[in-house]
Amino acid sequence: MKIFLKTEDEIDLMRQANQLVGKTLGELGKHIKPGVTTLQLDRIADEFIRDHGAVPTFKGFPNPYGGPFPASICTSVNDVVVHGVPNEETILKDGDIISIDCGTLLNGFNGDSCYTFCVGEVSEELRQLLKTTKEALYLGIENAVAGKHLGDISSAVQDHCEAQGYGIVRELTGHGIGREMHEDPQVPNYGRRGNGVMLKAGMCLAIEPMVTMGDRAIWMDQDRWTIRTQDGKPAAHFEHTIAVRRGKAEILSSFEEAESIEGQV
């Protein structure tokens, strides 16, 4: 395992890449409504990212199980947990939820964040799933402090979600991030306090709870990308990129734009 600590100049560049991801998610939020296809959203994101001088990191991202990722964002609707591939056939409808995972490469550094949006009028049950998942993300971030351990982040996420009766996906994790999209260490969403790597100031992590309404078991579609819940129940996914500090983590990405579109701010 090789963990790269970032300098203040590098963290500043990562902040710029991540702020662009936040702006992209906000731009996409304006277009999320019944009747829109996930491919339309992908085209909007691709153009927006490139117009701001960056490259969509996900496009062409290698897959150990098959071909490279064909799109600029992941669009995961309802029972799709992560890595949903945008296409013309998936048309958003009232009551859906859609997780949009977005990555940018700007000035040599990566941004990575995900937000789960409501499409039209969504059930209270689904809203509660989204609320709990987002709360778990911030509880994890509260534990991303120099001197603590990775297990403190993982345990905070797991305890909050399982206490509400939700499942925590175990096969997929958060990760270190910097010049590469995926760096060491892995950041699981389950674990024990005090376990794992000790956190140091300058570590940059993508923390991303993936939470299921029902059982945590998942399976992969034939496209070798799309990950779904085995029981067909919905899943939510929120992600921030953060810098570990002494005392309090710094969130480099932003939900402000996405939340303002949803009328939550």
C-alpha atoms as a PDB file:
ATOM      1  CA  MET A   1       0.000   0.000   0.000  1.00  0.00           C
ATOM      2  CA  LYS A   2       1.361   3.411  -0.993  1.00  0.00           C
ATOM      3  CA  ILE A   3      -0.480   6.435   0.386  1.00  0.00           C
ATOM      4  CA  PHE A   4       0.454   9.847  -1.005  1.00  0.00           C
ATOM      5  CA  LEU A   5       0.140  12.814   1.321  1.00  0.00           C
ATOM      6  CA  LYS A   6      -0.765  15.999  -0.553  1.00  0.00           C
ATOM      7  CA  THR A   7       0.843  19.406  -0.163  1.00  0.00           C
ATOM      8  CA  GLU A   8      -1.293  22.524   0.296  1.00  0.00           C
ATOM      9  CA  ASP A   9      -0.713  23.423  -3.375  1.00  0.00           C
ATOM     10  CA  GLU A  10      -1.878  19.978  -4.451  1.00  0.00           C
ATOM     11  CA  ILE A  11      -4.932  20.154  -2.197  1.00  0.00           C
ATOM     12  CA  ASP A  12      -5.781  23.504  -3.780  1.00  0.00           C
ATOM     13  CA  LEU A  13      -5.698  21.909  -7.238  1.00  0.00           C
ATOM     14  CA  MET A  14      -7.863  19.056  -5.969  1.00  0.00           C
ATOM     15  CA  ARG A  15     -10.305  21.581  -4.531  1.00  0.00           C
ATOM     16  CA  GLN A  16     -10.664  23.174  -7.980  1.00  0.00           C
ATOM     17  CA  ALA A  17     -11.317  19.788  -9.649  1.00  0.00           C
ATOM     18  CA  ASN A  18     -13.867  18.872  -6.996  1.00  0.00           C
ATOM     19  CA  GLN A  19     -15.664  22.207  -7.096  1.00  0.00           C
ATOM     20  CA  LEU A  20     -16.148  21.628 -10.832  1.00  0.00           C
ATOM     21  CA  VAL A  21     -17.732  18.252 -10.035  1.00  0.00           C
ATOM     22  CA  GLY A  22     -20.134  20.059  -7.694  1.00  0.00           C
ATOM     23  CA  LYS A  23     -21.030  22.567 -10.401  1.00  0.00           C
ATOM     24  CA  THR A  24     -21.578  19.710 -12.868  1.00  0.00           C
ATOM     25  CA  LEU A  25     -23.944  17.933 -10.458  1.00  0.00           C
ATOM     26  CA  GLY A  26     -25.821  21.209 -10.008  1.00  0.00           C
ATOM     27  CA  GLU A  27     -26.105  21.665 -13.765  1.00  0.00           C
ATOM     28  CA  LEU A  28     -27.430  18.111 -14.128  1.00  0.00           C
ATOM     29  CA  GLY A  29     -29.942  18.729 -11.348  1.00  0.00           C
ATOM     30  CA  LYS A  30     -31.627  21.348 -13.553  1.00  0.00           C
ATOM     31  CA  HIS A  31     -32.404  18.643 -16.122  1.00  0.00           C
ATOM     32  CA  ILE A  32     -33.498  15.778 -13.873  1.00  0.00           C
ATOM     33  CA  LYS A  33     -37.221  15.327 -14.484  1.00  0.00           C
ATOM     34  CA  PRO A  34     -39.605  12.712 -15.857  1.00  0.00           C
ATOM     35  CA  GLY A  35     -39.063  11.971 -19.549  1.00  0.00           C
ATOM     36  CA  VAL A  36     -35.319  12.655 -19.635  1.00  0.00           C
ATOM     37  CA  THR A  37     -32.986   9.818 -20.634  1.00  0.00           C
ATOM     38  CA  THR A  38     -29.762   9.041 -18.815  1.00  0.00           C
ATOM     39  CA  LEU A  39     -27.907   9.463 -22.119  1.00  0.00           C
ATOM     40  CA  GLN A  40     -29.148  13.062 -22.344  1.00  0.00           C
ATOM     41  CA  LEU A  41     -27.736  13.707 -18.871  1.00  0.00           C
ATOM     42  CA  ASP A  42     -24.411  12.211 -19.908  1.00  0.00           C
ATOM     43  CA  ARG A  43     -24.121  14.523 -22.908  1.00  0.00           C
ATOM     44  CA  ILE A  44     -24.878  17.558 -20.755  1.00  0.00           C
ATOM     45  CA  ALA A  45     -22.193  16.535 -18.249  1.00  0.00           C
ATOM     46  CA  ASP A  46     -19.573  15.827 -20.906  1.00  0.00           C
ATOM     47  CA  GLU A  47     -20.062  19.207 -22.557  1.00  0.00           C
ATOM     48  CA  PHE A  48     -20.152  21.083 -19.234  1.00  0.00           C
ATOM     49  CA  ILE A  49     -16.931  19.486 -17.936  1.00  0.00           C
ATOM     50  CA  ARG A  50     -15.012  20.065 -21.182  1.00  0.00           C
ATOM     51  CA  ASP A  51     -16.286  23.657 -21.464  1.00  0.00           C
ATOM     52  CA  HIS A  52     -14.661  24.274 -18.072  1.00  0.00           C
ATOM     53  CA  GLY A  53     -11.262  23.037 -19.218  1.00  0.00           C
ATOM     54  CA  ALA A  54     -11.366  19.596 -17.633  1.00  0.00           C
ATOM     55  CA  VAL A  55     -11.713  15.997 -18.800  1.00  0.00           C
ATOM     56  CA  PRO A  56     -14.429  13.585 -17.572  1.00  0.00           C
ATOM     57  CA  THR A  57     -12.330  10.972 -15.781  1.00  0.00           C
ATOM     58  CA  PHE A  58     -14.839   8.146 -16.060  1.00  0.00           C
ATOM     59  CA  LYS A  59     -14.866   8.094 -19.874  1.00  0.00           C
ATOM     60  CA  GLY A  60     -12.663   5.224 -20.982  1.00  0.00           C
ATOM     61  CA  PHE A  61     -11.928   4.156 -17.388  1.00  0.00           C
ATOM     62  CA  PRO A  62     -10.566   0.585 -17.535  1.00  0.00           C
ATOM     63  CA  ASN A  63     -12.613  -2.352 -16.302  1.00  0.00           C
ATOM     64  CA  PRO A  64     -10.942  -5.538 -15.038  1.00  0.00           C
ATOM     65  CA  TYR A  65     -14.052  -7.487 -16.118  1.00  0.00           C
ATOM     66  CA  GLY A  66     -14.594  -6.062 -19.603  1.00  0.00           C
ATOM     67  CA  GLY A  67     -14.346  -2.984 -21.807  1.00  0.00           C
ATOM     68  CA  PRO A  68     -13.678   0.620 -20.755  1.00  0.00           C
ATOM     69  CA  PHE A  69     -16.498   2.745 -19.345  1.00  0.00           C
ATOM     70  CA  PRO A  70     -18.327   4.284 -22.332  1.00  0.00           C
ATOM     71  CA  ALA A  71     -19.706   7.465 -20.723  1.00  0.00           C
ATOM     72  CA  SER A  72     -18.714  10.567 -18.751  1.00  0.00           C
ATOM     73  CA  ILE A  73     -20.920   9.970 -15.691  1.00  0.00           C
ATOM     74  CA  CYS A  74     -22.485   6.999 -13.918  1.00  0.00           C
ATOM     75  CA  THR A  75     -26.294   7.164 -13.822  1.00  0.00           C
ATOM     76  CA  SER A  76     -27.702   4.654 -11.322  1.00  0.00           C
ATOM     77  CA  VAL A  77     -31.495   4.532 -11.172  1.00  0.00           C
ATOM     78  CA  ASN A  78     -33.539   2.904  -8.355  1.00  0.00           C
ATOM     79  CA  ASP A  79     -32.118  -0.602  -7.752  1.00  0.00           C
ATOM     80  CA  VAL A  80     -28.815   0.221  -9.478  1.00  0.00           C
ATOM     81  CA  VAL A  81     -26.294   0.822  -6.699  1.00  0.00           C
ATOM     82  CA  VAL A  82     -23.393   2.191  -8.755  1.00  0.00           C
ATOM     83  CA  HIS A  83     -21.792   2.294 -12.222  1.00  0.00           C
ATOM     84  CA  GLY A  84     -25.027   2.567 -14.188  1.00  0.00           C
ATOM     85  CA  VAL A  85     -24.225   3.198 -17.860  1.00  0.00           C
ATOM     86  CA  PRO A  86     -26.138   6.093 -19.494  1.00  0.00           C
ATOM     87  CA  ASN A  87     -28.314   4.987 -22.415  1.00  0.00           C
ATOM     88  CA  GLU A  88     -31.342   5.960 -24.514  1.00  0.00           C
ATOM     89  CA  GLU A  89     -33.558   3.238 -23.053  1.00  0.00           C
ATOM     90  CA  THR A  90     -33.479   4.414 -19.426  1.00  0.00           C
ATOM     91  CA  ILE A  91     -36.091   7.171 -19.222  1.00  0.00           C
ATOM     92  CA  LEU A  92     -36.596   8.846 -15.855  1.00  0.00           C
ATOM     93  CA  LYS A  93     -40.099   8.698 -14.444  1.00  0.00           C
ATOM     94  CA  ASP A  94     -41.904  10.325 -11.554  1.00  0.00           C
ATOM     95  CA  GLY A  95     -40.952   8.694  -8.249  1.00  0.00           C
ATOM     96  CA  ASP A  96     -37.517   7.440  -9.352  1.00  0.00           C
ATOM     97  CA  ILE A  97     -34.251   8.180  -7.633  1.00  0.00           C
ATOM     98  CA  ILE A  98     -31.016   8.566  -9.614  1.00  0.00           C
ATOM     99  CA  SER A  99     -27.474   8.596  -8.274  1.00  0.00           C
ATOM    100  CA  ILE A 100     -25.097  10.559 -10.466  1.00  0.00           C
ATOM    101  CA  ASP A 101     -21.419   9.839  -9.888  1.00  0.00           C
ATOM    102  CA  CYS A 102     -19.084  12.303 -11.580  1.00  0.00           C
ATOM    103  CA  GLY A 103     -15.322  12.654 -11.915  1.00  0.00           C
ATOM    104  CA  THR A 104     -13.123  15.353 -13.430  1.00  0.00           C
ATOM    105  CA  LEU A 105      -9.437  15.636 -14.204  1.00  0.00           C
ATOM    106  CA  LEU A 106      -8.298  19.268 -14.000  1.00  0.00           C
ATOM    107  CA  ASN A 107      -4.688  20.485 -13.879  1.00  0.00           C
ATOM    108  CA  GLY A 108      -3.436  16.984 -13.192  1.00  0.00           C
ATOM    109  CA  PHE A 109      -5.693  16.207 -10.218  1.00  0.00           C
ATOM    110  CA  ASN A 110      -8.979  14.370  -9.809  1.00  0.00           C
ATOM    111  CA  GLY A 111     -12.363  15.353  -8.426  1.00  0.00           C
ATOM    112  CA  ASP A 112     -14.959  12.723  -7.510  1.00  0.00           C
ATOM    113  CA  SER A 113     -18.420  13.110  -5.986  1.00  0.00           C
ATOM    114  CA  CYS A 114     -21.867  11.555  -6.169  1.00  0.00           C
ATOM    115  CA  TYR A 115     -25.360  12.830  -5.381  1.00  0.00           C
ATOM    116  CA  THR A 116     -28.657  10.942  -5.366  1.00  0.00           C
ATOM    117  CA  PHE A 117     -31.498  13.032  -6.824  1.00  0.00           C
ATOM    118  CA  CYS A 118     -35.253  12.618  -6.575  1.00  0.00           C
ATOM    119  CA  VAL A 119     -37.230  12.569  -9.829  1.00  0.00           C
ATOM    120  CA  GLY A 120     -40.533  14.384  -9.366  1.00  0.00           C
ATOM    121  CA  GLU A 121     -42.543  13.281  -6.329  1.00  0.00           C
ATOM    122  CA  VAL A 122     -40.724  10.552  -4.411  1.00  0.00           C
ATOM    123  CA  SER A 123     -42.141   8.392  -1.608  1.00  0.00           C
ATOM    124  CA  GLU A 124     -41.358   9.221   2.013  1.00  0.00           C
ATOM    125  CA  GLU A 125     -39.693   5.805   2.318  1.00  0.00           C
ATOM    126  CA  LEU A 126     -37.206   6.730  -0.394  1.00  0.00           C
ATOM    127  CA  ARG A 127     -36.616  10.189   1.047  1.00  0.00           C
ATOM    128  CA  GLN A 128     -35.715   8.585   4.357  1.00  0.00           C
ATOM    129  CA  LEU A 129     -33.200   6.287   2.614  1.00  0.00           C
ATOM    130  CA  LEU A 130     -31.548   9.306   0.972  1.00  0.00           C
ATOM    131  CA  LYS A 131     -31.554  11.298   4.204  1.00  0.00           C
ATOM    132  CA  THR A 132     -29.932   8.476   6.168  1.00  0.00           C
ATOM    133  CA  THR A 133     -27.285   7.834   3.506  1.00  0.00           C
ATOM    134  CA  LYS A 134     -26.314  11.505   3.357  1.00  0.00           C
ATOM    135  CA  GLU A 135     -26.209  11.692   7.165  1.00  0.00           C
ATOM    136  CA  ALA A 136     -23.923   8.643   7.198  1.00  0.00           C
ATOM    137  CA  LEU A 137     -21.557  10.360   4.760  1.00  0.00           C
ATOM    138  CA  TYR A 138     -21.172  13.363   7.029  1.00  0.00           C
ATOM    139  CA  LEU A 139     -20.756  11.160  10.114  1.00  0.00           C
ATOM    140  CA  GLY A 140     -17.949   9.385   8.274  1.00  0.00           C
ATOM    141  CA  ILE A 141     -16.359  12.727   7.386  1.00  0.00           C
ATOM    142  CA  GLU A 142     -16.512  13.820  11.044  1.00  0.00           C
ATOM    143  CA  ASN A 143     -14.202  10.882  11.777  1.00  0.00           C
ATOM    144  CA  ALA A 144     -11.734  11.642   8.967  1.00  0.00           C
ATOM    145  CA  VAL A 145      -9.347  13.417  11.328  1.00  0.00           C
ATOM    146  CA  ALA A 146      -5.593  13.055  11.750  1.00  0.00           C
ATOM    147  CA  GLY A 147      -4.861  10.557  14.522  1.00  0.00           C
ATOM    148  CA  LYS A 148      -8.000   8.496  14.004  1.00  0.00           C
ATOM    149  CA  HIS A 149      -8.183   5.335  11.878  1.00  0.00           C
ATOM    150  CA  LEU A 150      -9.956   4.278   8.711  1.00  0.00           C
ATOM    151  CA  GLY A 151     -12.149   2.014  10.835  1.00  0.00           C
ATOM    152  CA  ASP A 152     -13.533   5.076  12.616  1.00  0.00           C
ATOM    153  CA  ILE A 153     -14.922   6.365   9.301  1.00  0.00           C
ATOM    154  CA  SER A 154     -16.222   2.934   8.321  1.00  0.00           C
ATOM    155  CA  SER A 155     -17.866   2.237  11.669  1.00  0.00           C
ATOM    156  CA  ALA A 156     -19.622   5.620  11.756  1.00  0.00           C
ATOM    157  CA  VAL A 157     -21.218   4.938   8.354  1.00  0.00           C
ATOM    158  CA  GLN A 158     -22.192   1.351   9.143  1.00  0.00           C
ATOM    159  CA  ASP A 159     -23.607   2.009  12.601  1.00  0.00           C
ATOM    160  CA  HIS A 160     -25.847   4.855  11.443  1.00  0.00           C
ATOM    161  CA  CYS A 161     -27.319   2.993   8.464  1.00  0.00           C
ATOM    162  CA  GLU A 162     -27.759  -0.410  10.060  1.00  0.00           C
ATOM    163  CA  ALA A 163     -29.442   1.177  13.087  1.00  0.00           C
ATOM    164  CA  GLN A 164     -32.172   2.319  10.664  1.00  0.00           C
ATOM    165  CA  GLY A 165     -32.496  -1.157   9.144  1.00  0.00           C
ATOM    166  CA  TYR A 166     -30.622  -0.477   5.890  1.00  0.00           C
ATOM    167  CA  GLY A 167     -27.984  -2.631   4.187  1.00  0.00           C
ATOM    168  CA  ILE A 168     -24.366  -1.548   3.655  1.00  0.00           C
ATOM    169  CA  VAL A 169     -22.720  -2.714   0.426  1.00  0.00           C
ATOM    170  CA  ARG A 170     -19.405  -4.359   1.319  1.00  0.00           C
ATOM    171  CA  GLU A 171     -17.908  -5.309  -2.043  1.00  0.00           C
ATOM    172  CA  LEU A 172     -17.376  -1.679  -3.100  1.00  0.00           C
ATOM    173  CA  THR A 173     -15.504   0.977  -1.151  1.00  0.00           C
ATOM    174  CA  GLY A 174     -14.382   4.555  -1.088  1.00  0.00           C
ATOM    175  CA  HIS A 175     -10.736   5.248  -1.903  1.00  0.00           C
ATOM    176  CA  GLY A 176      -7.769   7.522  -1.807  1.00  0.00           C
ATOM    177  CA  ILE A 177      -7.668  10.102  -4.597  1.00  0.00           C
ATOM    178  CA  GLY A 178      -5.183  12.545  -6.106  1.00  0.00           C
ATOM    179  CA  ARG A 179      -3.284  12.393  -9.384  1.00  0.00           C
ATOM    180  CA  GLU A 180      -5.056   9.053  -9.895  1.00  0.00           C
ATOM    181  CA  MET A 181      -8.797   8.574  -9.511  1.00  0.00           C
ATOM    182  CA  HIS A 182      -8.293   5.519  -7.310  1.00  0.00           C
ATOM    183  CA  GLU A 183      -5.357   5.541  -4.916  1.00  0.00           C
ATOM    184  CA  ASP A 184      -4.631   3.779  -1.633  1.00  0.00           C
ATOM    185  CA  PRO A 185      -6.175   3.307   0.840  1.00  0.00           C
ATOM    186  CA  GLN A 186      -9.555   1.703   0.300  1.00  0.00           C
ATOM    187  CA  VAL A 187     -12.258   3.211   2.525  1.00  0.00           C
ATOM    188  CA  PRO A 188     -14.889   0.556   3.399  1.00  0.00           C
ATOM    189  CA  ASN A 189     -18.348   1.551   4.626  1.00  0.00           C
ATOM    190  CA  TYR A 190     -18.237  -1.052   7.381  1.00  0.00           C
ATOM    191  CA  GLY A 191     -15.638  -1.783  10.041  1.00  0.00           C
ATOM    192  CA  ARG A 192     -14.532  -1.385  13.633  1.00  0.00           C
ATOM    193  CA  ARG A 193     -13.380   1.734  15.412  1.00  0.00           C
ATOM    194  CA  GLY A 194      -9.647   1.953  15.958  1.00  0.00           C
ATOM    195  CA  ASN A 195      -8.873  -0.505  13.138  1.00  0.00           C
ATOM    196  CA  GLY A 196      -7.072   0.101   9.877  1.00  0.00           C
ATOM    197  CA  VAL A 197      -4.588   2.696   8.691  1.00  0.00           C
ATOM    198  CA  MET A 198      -4.007   5.705  10.931  1.00  0.00           C
ATOM    199  CA  LEU A 199      -5.151   8.907   9.242  1.00  0.00           C
ATOM    200  CA  LYS A 200      -2.572  11.629   8.603  1.00  0.00           C
ATOM    201  CA  ALA A 201      -2.985  15.263   7.616  1.00  0.00           C
ATOM    202  CA  GLY A 202      -2.682  15.570   3.837  1.00  0.00           C
ATOM    203  CA  MET A 203      -4.451  12.302   3.010  1.00  0.00           C
ATOM    204  CA  CYS A 204      -7.207  12.840   0.450  1.00  0.00           C
ATOM    205  CA  LEU A 205     -10.099  10.386   0.501  1.00  0.00           C
ATOM    206  CA  ALA A 206     -13.306   9.801  -1.416  1.00  0.00           C
ATOM    207  CA  ILE A 207     -15.848   8.664   1.189  1.00  0.00           C
ATOM    208  CA  GLU A 208     -18.962   7.143  -0.393  1.00  0.00           C
ATOM    209  CA  PRO A 209     -21.667   5.239   1.485  1.00  0.00           C
ATOM    210  CA  MET A 210     -23.630   2.857  -0.766  1.00  0.00           C
ATOM    211  CA  VAL A 211     -26.782   1.947   1.125  1.00  0.00           C
ATOM    212  CA  THR A 212     -29.618  -0.433   0.236  1.00  0.00           C
ATOM    213  CA  MET A 213     -33.276  -0.309   1.224  1.00  0.00           C
ATOM    214  CA  GLY A 214     -33.270  -4.077   1.705  1.00  0.00           C
ATOM    215  CA  ASP A 215     -30.594  -6.755   1.717  1.00  0.00           C
ATOM    216  CA  ARG A 216     -27.002  -5.689   1.034  1.00  0.00           C
ATOM    217  CA  ALA A 217     -26.406  -8.428  -1.576  1.00  0.00           C
ATOM    218  CA  ILE A 218     -25.556  -7.150  -5.078  1.00  0.00           C
ATOM    219  CA  TRP A 219     -24.976  -8.511  -8.567  1.00  0.00           C
ATOM    220  CA  MET A 220     -23.418  -7.299 -11.818  1.00  0.00           C
ATOM    221  CA  ASP A 221     -25.312  -6.848 -15.111  1.00  0.00           C
ATOM    222  CA  GLN A 222     -24.137  -8.415 -18.356  1.00  0.00           C
ATOM    223  CA  ASP A 223     -22.600  -5.069 -19.363  1.00  0.00           C
ATOM    224  CA  ARG A 224     -19.942  -5.830 -16.694  1.00  0.00           C
ATOM    225  CA  TRP A 225     -20.445  -2.380 -15.159  1.00  0.00           C
ATOM    226  CA  THR A 226     -23.926  -1.945 -13.699  1.00  0.00           C
ATOM    227  CA  ILE A 227     -24.205  -3.115 -10.072  1.00  0.00           C
ATOM    228  CA  ARG A 228     -27.747  -3.829  -8.792  1.00  0.00           C
ATOM    229  CA  THR A 229     -29.315  -4.979  -5.561  1.00  0.00           C
ATOM    230  CA  GLN A 230     -30.166  -8.673  -5.690  1.00  0.00           C
ATOM    231  CA  ASP A 231     -33.605  -8.124  -4.174  1.00  0.00           C
ATOM    232  CA  GLY A 232     -34.486  -5.318  -6.602  1.00  0.00           C
ATOM    233  CA  LYS A 233     -34.974  -2.751  -3.848  1.00  0.00           C
ATOM    234  CA  PRO A 234     -33.616   0.801  -4.260  1.00  0.00           C
ATOM    235  CA  ALA A 235     -30.160   1.968  -3.210  1.00  0.00           C
ATOM    236  CA  ALA A 236     -28.674   5.395  -2.492  1.00  0.00           C
ATOM    237  CA  HIS A 237     -25.133   6.706  -2.954  1.00  0.00           C
ATOM    238  CA  PHE A 238     -23.558   9.946  -1.756  1.00  0.00           C
ATOM    239  CA  GLU A 239     -19.852  10.799  -2.051  1.00  0.00           C
ATOM    240  CA  HIS A 240     -17.523  13.621  -1.058  1.00  0.00           C
ATOM    241  CA  THR A 241     -13.798  14.019  -1.625  1.00  0.00           C
ATOM    242  CA  ILE A 242     -12.134  15.279   1.550  1.00  0.00           C
ATOM    243  CA  ALA A 243      -8.711  16.267   2.837  1.00  0.00           C
ATOM    244  CA  VAL A 244      -7.740  14.905   6.239  1.00  0.00           C
ATOM    245  CA  ARG A 245      -6.731  17.697   8.620  1.00  0.00           C
ATOM    246  CA  ARG A 246      -5.910  18.016  12.289  1.00  0.00           C
ATOM    247  CA  GLY A 247      -9.148  18.733  14.108  1.00  0.00           C
ATOM    248  CA  LYS A 248     -11.661  18.697  11.240  1.00  0.00           C
ATOM    249  CA  ALA A 249     -11.663  17.320   7.693  1.00  0.00           C
ATOM    250  CA  GLU A 250     -11.983  19.719   4.770  1.00  0.00           C
ATOM    251  CA  ILE A 251     -14.663  18.804   2.236  1.00  0.00           C
ATOM    252  CA  LEU A 252     -13.207  19.576  -1.196  1.00  0.00           C
ATOM    253  CA  SER A 253     -16.326  18.751  -3.228  1.00  0.00           C
ATOM    254  CA  SER A 254     -19.707  20.463  -2.892  1.00  0.00           C
ATOM    255  CA  PHE A 255     -23.394  19.572  -2.716  1.00  0.00           C
ATOM    256  CA  GLU A 256     -24.451  23.226  -2.570  1.00  0.00           C
ATOM    257  CA  GLU A 257     -25.368  23.461  -6.240  1.00  0.00           C
ATOM    258  CA  ALA A 258     -27.257  20.145  -6.279  1.00  0.00           C
ATOM    259  CA  GLU A 259     -29.114  20.915  -3.050  1.00  0.00           C
ATOM    260  CA  SER A 260     -30.105  24.382  -4.225  1.00  0.00           C
ATOM    261  CA  ILE A 261     -31.695  22.824  -7.324  1.00  0.00           C
ATOM    262  CA  GLU A 262     -33.683  20.496  -5.064  1.00  0.00           C
ATOM    263  CA  GLY A 263     -34.794  23.441  -2.946  1.00  0.00           C
ATOM    264  CA  GLN A 264     -33.039  22.160   0.146  1.00  0.00           C
ATOM    265  CA  VAL A 265     -30.955  25.262   0.777  1.00  0.00           C
END
